[in-house]
C-alpha cells in the first residue's frame, strides 16, 4: 500500500516536526493508538487493530525529538 498526501502549512518545518512529535497529536491522528513508553529519545506506541475478525496489537518504536 502506498499513500501520499501533500499540503501546504504556514509554519516552519521545525514547528511542524515538533507538533507531530507530540504524544497527543499521534493519538489523535492514528485511531486506537496510545503512547506506552517514552524515554531516551524513543517513543513506543501501541495500536489496536482488527484483522480478519481477530484483534491484534501493533507496537511501534520511533525516534522522538524530545530526548526525555
C-alpha atoms as a PDB file:
ATOM      1  CA  UNK A   1       0.000   0.000   0.000  1.00  0.00           C
ATOM      2  CA  UNK A   2       1.239   3.463  -0.842  1.00  0.00           C
ATOM      3  CA  UNK A   3      -0.402   6.598   0.481  1.00  0.00           C
ATOM      4  CA  UNK A   4       0.858  10.035  -0.392  1.00  0.00           C
ATOM      5  CA  UNK A   5      -0.704  13.315   0.560  1.00  0.00           C
ATOM      6  CA  UNK A   6       0.704  16.775   0.107  1.00  0.00           C
ATOM      7  CA  UNK A   7      -0.457  20.057   1.612  1.00  0.00           C
ATOM      8  CA  UNK A   8       0.933  23.474   2.494  1.00  0.00           C
ATOM      9  CA  UNK A   9       1.351  24.621   6.074  1.00  0.00           C
ATOM     10  CA  UNK A  10       2.033  28.176   7.152  1.00  0.00           C
ATOM     11  CA  UNK A  11       4.667  27.130   9.697  1.00  0.00           C
ATOM     12  CA  UNK A  12       8.356  26.325   9.619  1.00  0.00           C
ATOM     13  CA  UNK A  13       9.499  22.718   9.185  1.00  0.00           C
ATOM     14  CA  UNK A  14      10.757  22.697  12.802  1.00  0.00           C
ATOM     15  CA  UNK A  15       7.381  23.898  14.160  1.00  0.00           C
ATOM     16  CA  UNK A  16       5.545  21.208  12.215  1.00  0.00           C
ATOM     17  CA  UNK A  17       8.006  18.499  13.301  1.00  0.00           C
ATOM     18  CA  UNK A  18       7.542  19.477  16.969  1.00  0.00           C
ATOM     19  CA  UNK A  19       3.740  19.424  16.638  1.00  0.00           C
ATOM     20  CA  UNK A  20       3.808  15.976  15.013  1.00  0.00           C
ATOM     21  CA  UNK A  21       6.217  14.726  17.688  1.00  0.00           C
ATOM     22  CA  UNK A  22       3.606  15.407  20.385  1.00  0.00           C
ATOM     23  CA  UNK A  23       2.009  12.355  22.092  1.00  0.00           C
ATOM     24  CA  UNK A  24      -1.486  13.826  21.879  1.00  0.00           C
ATOM     25  CA  UNK A  25      -1.070  14.580  18.163  1.00  0.00           C
ATOM     26  CA  UNK A  26      -0.042  10.982  17.457  1.00  0.00           C
ATOM     27  CA  UNK A  27      -3.020   9.608  19.370  1.00  0.00           C
ATOM     28  CA  UNK A  28      -5.390  11.978  17.567  1.00  0.00           C
ATOM     29  CA  UNK A  29      -4.065  11.163  14.082  1.00  0.00           C
ATOM     30  CA  UNK A  30      -3.898   7.376  14.450  1.00  0.00           C
ATOM     31  CA  UNK A  31      -7.109   5.755  15.751  1.00  0.00           C
ATOM     32  CA  UNK A  32      -6.872   3.310  18.673  1.00  0.00           C
ATOM     33  CA  UNK A  33      -3.282   4.351  19.387  1.00  0.00           C
ATOM     34  CA  UNK A  34      -1.657   5.343  22.632  1.00  0.00           C
ATOM     35  CA  UNK A  35       1.903   6.081  23.704  1.00  0.00           C
ATOM     36  CA  UNK A  36       3.023   3.272  26.008  1.00  0.00           C
ATOM     37  CA  UNK A  37       6.512   4.499  26.868  1.00  0.00           C
ATOM     38  CA  UNK A  38       8.857   7.342  26.098  1.00  0.00           C
ATOM     39  CA  UNK A  39      12.445   7.959  27.058  1.00  0.00           C
ATOM     40  CA  UNK A  40      15.969   8.111  25.766  1.00  0.00           C
ATOM     41  CA  UNK A  41      14.792   9.725  22.539  1.00  0.00           C
ATOM     42  CA  UNK A  42      12.482   6.796  21.697  1.00  0.00           C
ATOM     43  CA  UNK A  43       8.677   6.663  21.791  1.00  0.00           C
ATOM     44  CA  UNK A  44       6.757   3.383  21.797  1.00  0.00           C
ATOM     45  CA  UNK A  45       3.147   3.309  20.633  1.00  0.00           C
ATOM     46  CA  UNK A  46       0.558   0.563  20.751  1.00  0.00           C
ATOM     47  CA  UNK A  47      -2.233   0.416  18.171  1.00  0.00           C
ATOM     48  CA  UNK A  48      -5.161  -1.983  18.440  1.00  0.00           C
ATOM     49  CA  UNK A  49      -6.453  -3.225  15.084  1.00  0.00           C
ATOM     50  CA  UNK A  50      -8.943  -5.812  13.887  1.00  0.00           C
ATOM     51  CA  UNK A  51      -7.770  -8.003  11.003  1.00  0.00           C
ATOM     52  CA  UNK A  52      -9.912 -10.785   9.558  1.00  0.00           C
ATOM     53  CA  UNK A  53     -12.089 -10.700  12.675  1.00  0.00           C
ATOM     54  CA  UNK A  54      -9.133 -11.030  15.046  1.00  0.00           C
ATOM     55  CA  UNK A  55      -7.853  -8.339  17.402  1.00  0.00           C
ATOM     56  CA  UNK A  56      -4.148  -7.517  17.154  1.00  0.00           C
ATOM     57  CA  UNK A  57      -1.842  -5.073  18.905  1.00  0.00           C
ATOM     58  CA  UNK A  58       0.857  -3.399  16.862  1.00  0.00           C
ATOM     59  CA  UNK A  59       3.844  -1.954  18.699  1.00  0.00           C
ATOM     60  CA  UNK A  60       5.973   0.693  17.022  1.00  0.00           C
ATOM     61  CA  UNK A  61       9.190   2.281  18.292  1.00  0.00           C
ATOM     62  CA  UNK A  62      10.239   5.601  16.773  1.00  0.00           C
ATOM     63  CA  UNK A  63      12.817   8.245  17.496  1.00  0.00           C
ATOM     64  CA  UNK A  64      11.469  11.273  19.314  1.00  0.00           C
ATOM     65  CA  UNK A  65      12.679  14.853  19.012  1.00  0.00           C
ATOM     66  CA  UNK A  66      12.392  15.104  22.786  1.00  0.00           C
ATOM     67  CA  UNK A  67      15.258  13.311  24.498  1.00  0.00           C
ATOM     68  CA  UNK A  68      13.366  12.948  27.814  1.00  0.00           C
END
